[in-house]
Protein backbone atom coordinates (compact mmCIF):
# COMPACT_ATOMS: atom_id res chain seq x y z
CA UNK A 1 0.00 0.00 0.00
CA UNK A 2 1.22 3.49 -0.78
CA UNK A 3 0.58 5.63 2.27
CA UNK A 4 -1.08 8.97 1.80
CA UNK A 5 1.41 11.76 1.24
CA UNK A 6 -0.52 14.14 3.46
CA UNK A 7 1.40 15.36 6.49
CA UNK A 8 0.28 15.22 10.08
CA UNK A 9 -0.72 18.87 9.81
CA UNK A 10 -3.21 17.90 7.09
CA UNK A 11 -4.74 15.18 9.28
CA UNK A 12 -8.30 15.60 10.49
CA UNK A 13 -7.60 13.46 13.53
CA UNK A 14 -5.02 13.14 16.27
CA UNK A 15 -6.03 9.57 17.12
CA UNK A 16 -8.07 6.95 15.29
CA UNK A 17 -9.40 4.07 17.38
CA UNK A 18 -10.36 0.82 15.66
CA UNK A 19 -13.24 -0.72 17.59
CA UNK A 20 -16.04 0.81 19.64
CA UNK A 21 -16.39 -1.78 22.38
CA UNK A 22 -15.89 -0.87 26.03
CA UNK A 23 -12.14 -0.38 25.61
CA UNK A 24 -12.37 1.80 22.50
CA UNK A 25 -15.21 3.92 23.86
CA UNK A 26 -13.46 4.44 27.21
CA UNK A 27 -10.23 5.41 25.46
CA UNK A 28 -12.04 7.88 23.20
CA UNK A 29 -13.57 9.59 26.23
CA UNK A 30 -10.25 9.78 28.04
CA UNK A 31 -8.60 11.40 25.02
CA UNK A 32 -11.43 13.91 24.62
CA UNK A 33 -10.93 15.11 28.20
CA UNK A 34 -7.71 16.59 26.83
CA UNK A 35 -9.27 17.95 23.61
CA UNK A 36 -7.61 15.34 21.41
CA UNK A 37 -9.35 14.97 18.02
CA UNK A 38 -10.66 11.40 18.06
CA UNK A 39 -12.38 9.21 15.48
CA UNK A 40 -13.67 5.75 16.47
CA UNK A 41 -14.20 3.25 13.64
CA UNK A 42 -16.56 0.34 14.34
CA UNK A 43 -16.94 -2.54 11.92
CA UNK A 44 -20.50 -3.41 12.97
CA UNK A 45 -23.28 -1.23 11.60
CA UNK A 46 -25.44 -1.62 14.72
CA UNK A 47 -24.62 -2.17 18.39
CA UNK A 48 -24.71 -5.80 19.52
CA UNK A 49 -28.22 -6.96 20.29
CA UNK A 50 -27.61 -9.94 22.60
CA UNK A 51 -28.05 -9.06 26.25
CA UNK A 52 -25.11 -10.83 27.86
CA UNK A 53 -24.46 -9.79 31.46
CA UNK A 54 -20.98 -8.69 32.46
CA UNK A 55 -19.59 -7.74 35.84
CA UNK A 56 -17.76 -4.54 36.74
CA UNK A 57 -15.28 -5.24 39.52
CA UNK A 58 -14.10 -2.83 42.20
CA UNK A 59 -11.26 -1.18 40.27
CA UNK A 60 -13.46 -0.52 37.25
CA UNK A 61 -16.14 0.96 39.50
CA UNK A 62 -13.50 3.24 40.99
CA UNK A 63 -12.50 4.40 37.50
CA UNK A 64 -16.13 5.14 36.67
CA UNK A 65 -16.41 7.16 39.88
CA UNK A 66 -13.26 9.11 38.92
CA UNK A 67 -14.97 10.26 35.74
CA UNK A 68 -18.42 10.90 37.20
CA UNK A 69 -19.99 7.88 35.47
CA UNK A 70 -20.75 5.60 38.39
CA UNK A 71 -24.21 6.94 39.24
CA UNK A 72 -25.28 6.51 35.61
CA UNK A 73 -24.01 2.94 35.56
CA UNK A 74 -25.67 2.01 38.84
CA UNK A 75 -29.02 3.05 37.38
CA UNK A 76 -28.70 0.23 34.84
CA UNK A 77 -26.87 -2.42 36.87
CA UNK A 78 -27.45 -4.61 39.85
CA UNK A 79 -25.10 -4.70 42.83
CA UNK A 80 -23.99 -7.96 44.38
CA UNK A 81 -21.40 -8.87 47.02
CA UNK A 82 -17.73 -8.94 46.00
CA UNK A 83 -17.16 -12.61 46.76
CA UNK A 84 -17.15 -16.06 45.16
CA UNK A 85 -15.31 -15.00 42.00
CA UNK A 86 -12.16 -17.11 42.09
CA UNK A 87 -12.90 -20.35 40.20
CA UNK A 88 -16.49 -20.02 41.42
CA UNK A 89 -15.49 -21.13 44.93
CA UNK A 90 -18.40 -19.89 47.08
CA UNK A 91 -16.68 -17.81 49.75
CA UNK A 92 -18.08 -14.50 51.01
CA UNK A 93 -16.14 -11.29 50.57
CA UNK A 94 -14.03 -10.41 53.63
CA UNK A 95 -14.98 -7.29 55.53
CA UNK A 96 -13.02 -4.07 55.16
CA UNK A 97 -11.89 -4.41 51.55
CA UNK A 98 -9.75 -1.42 50.57
CA UNK A 99 -12.31 0.32 48.38
CA UNK A 100 -15.27 2.62 48.82
CA UNK A 101 -16.91 0.55 46.08
CA UNK A 102 -16.45 -2.96 47.49
CA UNK A 103 -19.09 -4.70 45.41
CA UNK A 104 -19.72 -6.06 41.92
CA UNK A 105 -22.14 -4.52 39.42
CA UNK A 106 -23.82 -6.85 36.95
CA UNK A 107 -24.88 -4.97 33.82
CA UNK A 108 -25.89 -6.00 30.29
CA UNK A 109 -22.89 -5.67 27.98
CA UNK A 110 -24.76 -3.62 25.33
CA UNK A 111 -25.77 -1.16 28.06
CA UNK A 112 -22.25 -0.55 29.36
CA UNK A 113 -21.00 -0.15 25.78
CA UNK A 114 -23.80 2.31 25.04
CA UNK A 115 -23.13 4.33 28.20
CA UNK A 116 -19.41 4.60 27.46
CA UNK A 117 -20.02 5.45 23.80
CA UNK A 118 -22.53 8.15 24.78
CA UNK A 119 -19.99 9.52 27.26
CA UNK A 120 -17.32 9.72 24.54
CA UNK A 121 -19.71 11.40 22.08
CA UNK A 122 -20.84 13.90 24.72
CA UNK A 123 -17.18 14.86 25.11
CA UNK A 124 -16.82 15.35 21.35
CA UNK A 125 -15.57 12.04 19.96
CA UNK A 126 -16.75 11.02 16.49
CA UNK A 127 -17.99 7.45 15.95
CA UNK A 128 -18.43 5.91 12.49
CA UNK A 129 -20.12 2.52 12.17
CA UNK A 130 -19.86 0.10 9.29
CA UNK A 131 -16.18 0.96 8.86
CA UNK A 132 -13.84 -2.04 8.86
CA UNK A 133 -10.10 -1.36 8.97
CA UNK A 134 -8.28 -3.52 6.40
CA UNK A 135 -4.78 -2.05 6.25
CA UNK A 136 -2.47 0.27 8.14
CA UNK A 137 0.75 2.06 7.20
CA UNK A 138 2.80 4.46 9.28
CA UNK A 139 5.61 6.89 8.67
CA UNK A 140 7.46 9.54 10.67
CA UNK A 141 4.50 11.91 10.59
CA UNK A 142 1.49 9.71 11.21
CA UNK A 143 -0.63 6.70 10.30
CA UNK A 144 -2.70 5.95 7.21
CA UNK A 145 -5.74 3.75 7.85
CA UNK A 146 -7.43 2.00 4.92
CA UNK A 147 -11.09 0.99 5.17
CA UNK A 148 -12.86 -1.90 3.43
CA UNK A 149 -14.38 0.45 0.84
CA UNK A 150 -10.95 1.82 -0.06
CA UNK A 151 -11.26 5.10 1.84
CA UNK A 152 -8.00 6.26 3.43
CA UNK A 153 -7.88 8.23 6.66
CA UNK A 154 -4.92 9.94 8.24
CA UNK A 155 -4.13 10.42 11.93
CA UNK A 156 -1.16 11.01 14.16
CA UNK A 157 -1.74 7.77 16.12
CA UNK A 158 -3.86 4.62 15.81
CA UNK A 159 -5.04 2.36 18.63
CA UNK A 160 -6.31 -1.13 17.83
CA UNK A 161 -9.21 -1.95 20.15
CA UNK A 162 -10.64 -4.32 17.55
CA UNK A 163 -10.88 -7.53 19.55
CA UNK A 164 -9.29 -10.94 19.69
CA UNK A 165 -9.04 -11.25 15.89
CA UNK A 166 -7.58 -7.74 15.64
CA UNK A 167 -6.79 -6.66 12.10
CA UNK A 168 -4.53 -3.95 13.45
CA UNK A 169 -2.43 -6.45 15.40
CA UNK A 170 -2.16 -8.77 12.41
CA UNK A 171 -1.15 -5.99 10.02
CA UNK A 172 1.52 -4.87 12.48
CA UNK A 173 2.87 -8.42 12.58
CA UNK A 174 2.79 -8.48 16.38
CA UNK A 175 3.05 -12.00 17.76
CA UNK A 176 0.16 -13.35 19.83
CA UNK A 177 1.64 -16.35 21.63
CA UNK A 178 -0.25 -18.54 24.04
CA UNK A 179 -2.45 -21.61 24.02
CA UNK A 180 -5.36 -22.42 21.70
CA UNK A 181 -8.69 -23.45 23.16
CA UNK A 182 -8.76 -26.93 24.67
CA UNK A 183 -12.28 -26.87 26.07
CA UNK A 184 -15.48 -25.16 24.92
CA UNK A 185 -18.31 -24.02 27.17
CA UNK A 186 -21.87 -22.92 26.46
CA UNK A 187 -23.15 -19.87 28.31
CA UNK A 188 -26.55 -18.24 28.11
CA UNK A 189 -29.51 -16.75 29.90
CA UNK A 190 -32.72 -18.77 29.75
CA UNK A 191 -35.97 -19.34 31.56
CA UNK A 192 -36.59 -22.70 33.26
CA UNK A 193 -39.68 -24.82 33.70
CA UNK A 194 -39.02 -26.37 37.12
CA UNK A 195 -38.92 -24.89 40.64
CA UNK A 196 -35.76 -23.11 41.77
CA UNK A 197 -35.35 -25.47 44.74
CA UNK A 198 -35.19 -28.47 42.41
CA UNK A 199 -32.63 -26.75 40.20
CA UNK A 200 -30.45 -25.75 43.15
CA UNK A 201 -30.42 -29.28 44.56
CA UNK A 202 -29.45 -30.86 41.24
CA UNK A 203 -26.75 -28.26 40.54
CA UNK A 204 -25.23 -28.78 44.00
CA UNK A 205 -25.09 -32.53 43.35
CA UNK A 206 -23.42 -32.18 39.95
CA UNK A 207 -20.89 -29.58 41.11
CA UNK A 208 -19.34 -32.20 43.36
CA UNK A 209 -17.63 -33.50 40.22
CA UNK A 210 -18.28 -30.92 37.46
CA UNK A 211 -17.39 -27.26 38.05
CA UNK A 212 -18.16 -25.94 34.57
CA UNK A 213 -21.85 -26.37 35.23
CA UNK A 214 -24.40 -24.11 36.83
CA UNK A 215 -27.86 -22.64 36.65
CA UNK A 216 -27.98 -19.48 38.75
CA UNK A 217 -30.88 -17.07 39.14
CA UNK A 218 -30.10 -14.03 36.98
CA UNK A 219 -32.93 -11.53 36.60
CA UNK A 220 -36.64 -11.35 35.89
CA UNK A 221 -37.19 -15.10 36.21
CA UNK A 222 -34.20 -16.13 34.11
CA UNK A 223 -31.17 -18.27 34.87
CA UNK A 224 -27.54 -17.90 33.92
CA UNK A 225 -26.67 -21.30 32.43
CA UNK A 226 -23.15 -22.68 31.95
CA UNK A 227 -22.56 -26.19 30.60
CA UNK A 228 -19.66 -27.92 28.78
CA UNK A 229 -20.01 -27.75 25.00
CA UNK A 230 -18.26 -31.00 24.10
CA UNK A 231 -20.12 -32.90 21.38
CA UNK A 232 -22.46 -30.14 20.26
CA UNK A 233 -22.66 -28.41 16.88
CA UNK A 234 -19.80 -26.86 14.91
CA UNK A 235 -17.95 -24.29 17.03
CA UNK A 236 -18.07 -21.87 14.10
CA UNK A 237 -21.86 -21.78 14.36
CA UNK A 238 -23.82 -19.93 17.07
CA UNK A 239 -25.19 -22.34 19.70
CA UNK A 240 -28.89 -23.15 19.73
CA UNK A 241 -31.45 -23.79 22.44
CA UNK A 242 -31.36 -27.48 21.50
CA UNK A 243 -27.59 -27.53 22.11
CA UNK A 244 -28.21 -26.37 25.69
CA UNK A 245 -31.00 -28.89 26.22
CA UNK A 246 -28.82 -31.70 24.85
CA UNK A 247 -25.90 -30.91 27.13
CA UNK A 248 -28.07 -30.41 30.20
CA UNK A 249 -29.69 -33.80 29.65
CA UNK A 250 -26.31 -35.46 29.12
CA UNK A 251 -24.88 -34.14 32.37
CA UNK A 252 -27.88 -33.61 34.66
CA UNK A 253 -30.31 -36.14 33.21
CA UNK A 254 -32.80 -33.31 32.64
CA UNK A 255 -32.93 -30.09 30.66
CA UNK A 256 -34.86 -28.34 33.47
CA UNK A 257 -37.43 -27.27 30.89
CA UNK A 258 -35.21 -24.42 29.69
CA UNK A 259 -36.83 -22.13 27.14
CA UNK A 260 -37.08 -18.52 25.91
CA UNK A 261 -33.35 -17.71 25.72
CA UNK A 262 -32.31 -14.06 26.16
CA UNK A 263 -28.92 -14.78 24.66
CA UNK A 264 -26.74 -17.82 23.89
CA UNK A 265 -22.99 -17.94 23.38
CA UNK A 266 -19.97 -20.19 23.42
CA UNK A 267 -16.50 -19.53 24.75
CA UNK A 268 -13.22 -21.38 24.79
CA UNK A 269 -10.20 -21.25 27.07
CA UNK A 270 -7.73 -19.85 24.50
CA UNK A 271 -5.15 -17.73 26.30
CA UNK A 272 -2.87 -15.34 24.41
CA UNK A 273 -0.87 -12.17 25.08
CA UNK A 274 0.51 -9.78 22.46
CA UNK A 275 4.30 -9.60 22.44
CA UNK A 276 4.19 -5.81 22.13
CA UNK A 277 1.57 -3.18 22.91
CA UNK A 278 3.21 -0.51 20.77
CA UNK A 279 4.81 -0.40 17.33
CA UNK A 280 5.75 3.19 16.56
CA UNK A 281 2.57 5.24 16.29
CA UNK A 282 0.24 2.25 16.61
CA UNK A 283 -0.85 0.74 19.93
CA UNK A 284 -3.03 -2.16 21.08
CA UNK A 285 -5.52 -2.36 23.94
CA UNK A 286 -8.22 -4.66 25.28
CA UNK A 287 -8.84 -8.02 23.59
CA UNK A 288 -6.57 -6.99 20.71
CA UNK A 289 -3.72 -7.25 23.23
CA UNK A 290 -4.84 -10.19 25.39
CA UNK A 291 -7.47 -12.93 25.49
CA UNK A 292 -8.35 -15.43 28.21
CA UNK A 293 -11.34 -17.43 29.46
CA UNK A 294 -14.09 -15.41 31.16
CA UNK A 295 -13.57 -17.23 34.46
CA UNK A 296 -13.57 -14.59 37.16
CA UNK A 297 -15.16 -12.02 34.84
CA UNK A 298 -11.97 -10.01 34.25
CA UNK A 299 -11.92 -9.45 30.47
CA UNK A 300 -13.99 -6.30 30.06
CA UNK A 301 -12.45 -4.85 33.21
CA UNK A 302 -8.90 -5.45 31.99
CA UNK A 303 -9.62 -3.68 28.70
CA UNK A 304 -11.28 -0.66 30.31
CA UNK A 305 -8.33 -0.37 32.69
CA UNK A 306 -5.94 -0.49 29.70
CA UNK A 307 -7.80 2.48 28.23
CA UNK A 308 -7.59 4.40 31.48
CA UNK A 309 -3.85 3.86 31.67
CA UNK A 310 -3.22 4.75 28.02
CA UNK A 311 -5.60 7.67 27.53
CA UNK A 312 -3.85 10.44 29.45
CA UNK A 313 -0.41 9.31 28.26
CA UNK A 314 -1.37 9.33 24.58
CA UNK A 315 -3.12 12.67 25.09
CA UNK A 316 0.07 14.06 26.61
CA UNK A 317 2.00 12.85 23.57
CA UNK A 318 -0.46 14.52 21.21
CA UNK A 319 -0.56 17.75 23.22
CA UNK A 320 3.23 17.95 23.23
CA UNK A 321 4.03 17.89 26.93
CA UNK A 322 4.70 14.18 27.47
CA UNK A 323 8.11 13.26 28.89
CA UNK A 324 10.16 11.23 26.41
CA UNK A 325 9.42 7.80 27.90
CA UNK A 326 5.85 8.38 29.13
CA UNK A 327 4.06 6.55 26.31
CA UNK A 328 6.33 3.53 26.74
CA UNK A 329 5.16 3.16 30.34
CA UNK A 330 1.80 1.97 28.96
CA UNK A 331 3.29 -1.37 27.91
CA UNK A 332 5.67 -1.47 30.87
CA UNK A 333 2.75 -1.19 33.30
CA UNK A 334 -0.10 -3.01 31.57
CA UNK A 335 1.67 -5.96 29.93
CA UNK A 336 2.65 -7.51 33.30
CA UNK A 337 -0.89 -6.94 34.62
CA UNK A 338 -2.35 -8.84 31.66
CA UNK A 339 0.20 -11.63 32.12
CA UNK A 340 -0.95 -12.05 35.73
CA UNK A 341 -4.61 -12.12 34.67
CA UNK A 342 -3.83 -14.81 32.10
CA UNK A 343 -2.08 -16.85 34.78
CA UNK A 344 -4.91 -16.58 37.28
CA UNK A 345 -7.48 -17.59 34.65
CA UNK A 346 -5.30 -20.57 33.72
CA UNK A 347 -5.28 -21.55 37.38
CA UNK A 348 -9.04 -21.12 37.68
CA UNK A 349 -9.68 -23.26 34.62
CA UNK A 350 -7.51 -26.03 36.08
CA UNK A 351 -9.47 -25.80 39.32
CA UNK A 352 -12.67 -26.41 37.33
CA UNK A 353 -11.34 -29.59 35.76
CA UNK A 354 -13.02 -32.92 36.50
CA UNK A 355 -9.64 -34.70 36.89
CA UNK A 356 -9.05 -36.19 40.36
CA UNK A 357 -5.90 -34.15 40.99
CA UNK A 358 -7.60 -30.87 40.09
CA UNK A 359 -10.61 -31.75 42.26
CA UNK A 360 -8.29 -32.47 45.20
CA UNK A 361 -6.51 -29.17 44.66
CA UNK A 362 -9.86 -27.37 44.56
CA UNK A 363 -10.87 -28.92 47.88
CA UNK A 364 -7.57 -27.81 49.40
CA UNK A 365 -7.90 -24.24 48.10
CA UNK A 366 -11.50 -24.12 49.35
CA UNK A 367 -10.17 -24.90 52.84
CA UNK A 368 -7.37 -22.35 52.54
CA UNK A 369 -9.85 -19.65 51.55
CA UNK A 370 -11.37 -19.96 55.00
CA UNK A 371 -8.34 -17.93 56.08
CA UNK A 372 -9.20 -14.26 55.64
CA UNK A 373 -5.78 -13.38 54.19
CA UNK A 374 -6.07 -15.96 51.40
CA UNK A 375 -9.64 -15.04 50.49
CA UNK A 376 -8.79 -11.33 50.56
CA UNK A 377 -5.70 -11.78 48.38
CA UNK A 378 -7.59 -13.68 45.68
CA UNK A 379 -10.53 -11.24 45.65
CA UNK A 380 -8.20 -8.23 45.38
CA UNK A 381 -6.40 -9.97 42.52
CA UNK A 382 -9.64 -10.51 40.59
CA UNK A 383 -10.94 -7.03 41.41
CA UNK A 384 -7.57 -5.41 40.39
CA UNK A 385 -7.27 -3.27 43.52
CA UNK A 386 -4.01 -4.94 44.52
CA UNK A 387 -2.04 -3.71 41.48
CA UNK A 388 1.18 -1.86 42.16
CA UNK A 389 3.12 -0.36 39.25
CA UNK A 390 6.89 -0.18 39.60
CA UNK A 391 7.72 3.47 40.22
CA UNK A 392 10.99 2.68 42.00
CA UNK A 393 11.86 2.53 45.69
CA UNK A 394 9.46 4.15 48.12
CA UNK A 395 6.62 3.61 50.57
CA UNK A 396 4.19 0.75 50.05
CA UNK A 397 1.54 3.14 48.71
CA UNK A 398 3.80 4.35 45.88
CA UNK A 399 2.61 2.96 42.54
CA UNK A 400 -0.74 1.83 43.96
CA UNK A 401 -4.09 3.45 43.36
CA UNK A 402 -5.46 5.62 46.17
CA UNK A 403 -8.92 4.67 47.36
CA UNK A 404 -11.78 7.20 47.27
CA UNK A 405 -11.20 9.03 50.57
CA UNK A 406 -12.95 11.93 52.30
CA UNK A 407 -11.57 15.39 51.57
CA UNK A 408 -12.85 18.81 52.54
CA UNK A 409 -14.61 19.22 49.18
CA UNK A 410 -16.42 15.87 49.52
CA UNK A 411 -14.85 12.79 47.92
CA UNK A 412 -11.43 12.49 46.35
CA UNK A 413 -12.63 10.92 43.10
CA UNK A 414 -14.96 13.86 42.47
CA UNK A 415 -11.81 15.94 41.95
CA UNK A 416 -10.58 13.67 39.13
CA UNK A 417 -13.47 14.05 36.68
CA UNK A 418 -11.39 16.14 34.27
CA UNK A 419 -8.68 13.50 33.86
CA UNK A 420 -5.89 15.68 35.26
CA UNK A 421 -3.23 14.95 37.86
CA UNK A 422 -3.84 16.00 41.45
CA UNK A 423 -1.62 17.10 44.33
CA UNK A 424 -3.30 16.37 47.67
CA UNK A 425 -1.35 18.39 50.21
CA UNK A 426 -1.94 18.00 53.95
CA UNK A 427 0.95 20.38 54.78
CA UNK A 428 -0.58 23.37 52.94
CA UNK A 429 2.97 24.33 51.89
CA UNK A 430 3.43 22.84 48.42
CA UNK A 431 2.39 23.97 44.96
CA UNK A 432 2.17 22.53 41.44
CA UNK A 433 3.47 25.83 40.05
CA UNK A 434 4.06 25.75 36.30
CA UNK A 435 2.22 22.45 35.95
CA UNK A 436 -1.15 23.95 36.90
CA UNK A 437 -2.39 23.57 33.31
CA UNK A 438 -2.33 19.79 33.72
CA UNK A 439 -2.28 19.15 37.49
CA UNK A 440 -4.81 20.34 40.07
CA UNK A 441 -4.06 20.75 43.76
CA UNK A 442 -5.97 20.61 47.02
CA UNK A 443 -4.56 21.79 50.34
CA UNK A 444 -6.44 19.86 52.99
CA UNK A 445 -4.81 19.13 56.37
CA UNK A 446 -7.86 17.06 57.35
CA UNK A 447 -7.78 14.67 54.39
CA UNK A 448 -8.17 11.00 55.41
CA UNK A 449 -4.57 10.19 54.52
CA UNK A 450 -1.69 8.99 56.71
CA UNK A 451 1.11 10.60 54.66
CA UNK A 452 1.83 14.34 54.29
CA UNK A 453 1.24 14.72 50.53
CA UNK A 454 0.55 12.57 47.47
CA UNK A 455 0.80 13.31 43.77
CA UNK A 456 -1.81 11.37 41.81
CA UNK A 457 -1.64 10.61 38.12
CA UNK A 458 -4.88 11.00 36.12
CA UNK A 459 -5.53 7.27 36.55
CA UNK A 460 -5.48 7.62 40.34
CA UNK A 461 -2.13 5.91 40.95
CA UNK A 462 0.23 7.48 43.49
CA UNK A 463 3.24 8.93 41.65
CA UNK A 464 4.97 10.53 44.66
CA UNK A 465 4.73 10.71 48.44
CA UNK A 466 6.53 13.32 50.57
CA UNK A 467 6.63 16.90 51.77
CA UNK A 468 9.59 18.46 49.91
CA UNK A 469 8.94 20.94 47.08
CA UNK A 470 12.12 20.10 45.18
CA UNK A 471 11.28 16.39 45.20
CA UNK A 472 7.74 17.19 44.10
CA UNK A 473 9.01 19.27 41.17
CA UNK A 474 11.24 16.38 40.06
CA UNK A 475 8.29 14.00 40.02
CA UNK A 476 6.03 16.52 38.31
CA UNK A 477 8.63 16.67 35.54
CA UNK A 478 8.89 12.88 35.41
CA UNK A 479 5.15 12.39 34.84
CA UNK A 480 3.91 15.70 33.45
CA UNK A 481 6.82 17.06 31.43
CA UNK A 482 8.35 20.50 31.59
CA UNK A 483 6.42 23.30 33.36
CA UNK A 484 4.59 25.82 31.22
CA UNK A 485 6.19 29.15 30.56
């Protein structure tokens, strides 16, 4: 392909995003907070119609609160306790989890996508549907994106948020090593024709030997149904109601009278991680960068958190104030997080195996999770509130996200809606000085914080702790570039 000869100055867009799922929509909104010119290209002409439920874990709920979106999401979701996620082992959440949002929100996937897309459009992002990216070329000035109809678009950067079969990743030639699917599972939401007590008793009996099997009350008289897919129709074809009935009868001896499906799907346990998240002016995020089984419900959350990490850094690059290595910290921080998620989903899938050794290991882990420390550790891992980025030597809080604490103006996260950094100063002596165009500050000696001052990045992670102005200035330069003027 011959790239367009137009220069970056001729470009209509600063960033093009391929894919308008949760990751792409969240990223578009984050970029628009910094007035970056954004175009989102979505291959599908209409939003997805199936009403699959997804869960937003604690860290994702915190991110939504940081951008003023949480109340809107709670209107459409249902809260449930933050426990029983790891391999489906039914343990309650420990008390005192380190979050003001220590719960899970179940929400239909089309709804969360719609809410995030509306948020991005309200901030000024453009979304074009029915636009499939087929080719990409980059040069020193920008990126040329070719669409299926031959149209060429020009931008300064491109981000592939186009899913597990990402065209952007393939065109870049980025390796996607891992394991192909070994097992397939049917998942859906259906109504049932027998009493709930009968269902619960049968499920409890079967789960003694088969963990990839459940019928759980979902909403409005429906059940979330999971059953192994071995022996059913071609995996390339969408599953049918009869597939579910067949598998339920094979395993449970009854199909429970299931009928009236809301949605039906199939998933495998393929596990892959992109070798690189960035090639020049092109980056990857969400399922384009990593795939894994849905055990633990981490996939959507991991992608949204990618977008939150990348958005302000890419905006800084576009706006011209990013320190030289800032954009590279996206891969440095998020690639290891994805690798850990892939490992914990591998472990969870093994714990759901019917093999005697795996069943013995599951019984042992179930006993260990009676210890609060073990249960807490695994829940924080799934909910992503235990992440600590490597910012060098320093206090334990350095590199971690700061929970939503009380401050004199209300709640800390309410001060982060604009996607800027924040200095929270209990000494009332420090200042952000020439960085005030990209970092806010709050002097509050009564803030619920046990250190003198913290510098927060726009994603809520603690970039510095201390009380010395010279040290603060050094860290402001490290994360927010040179001061204005």
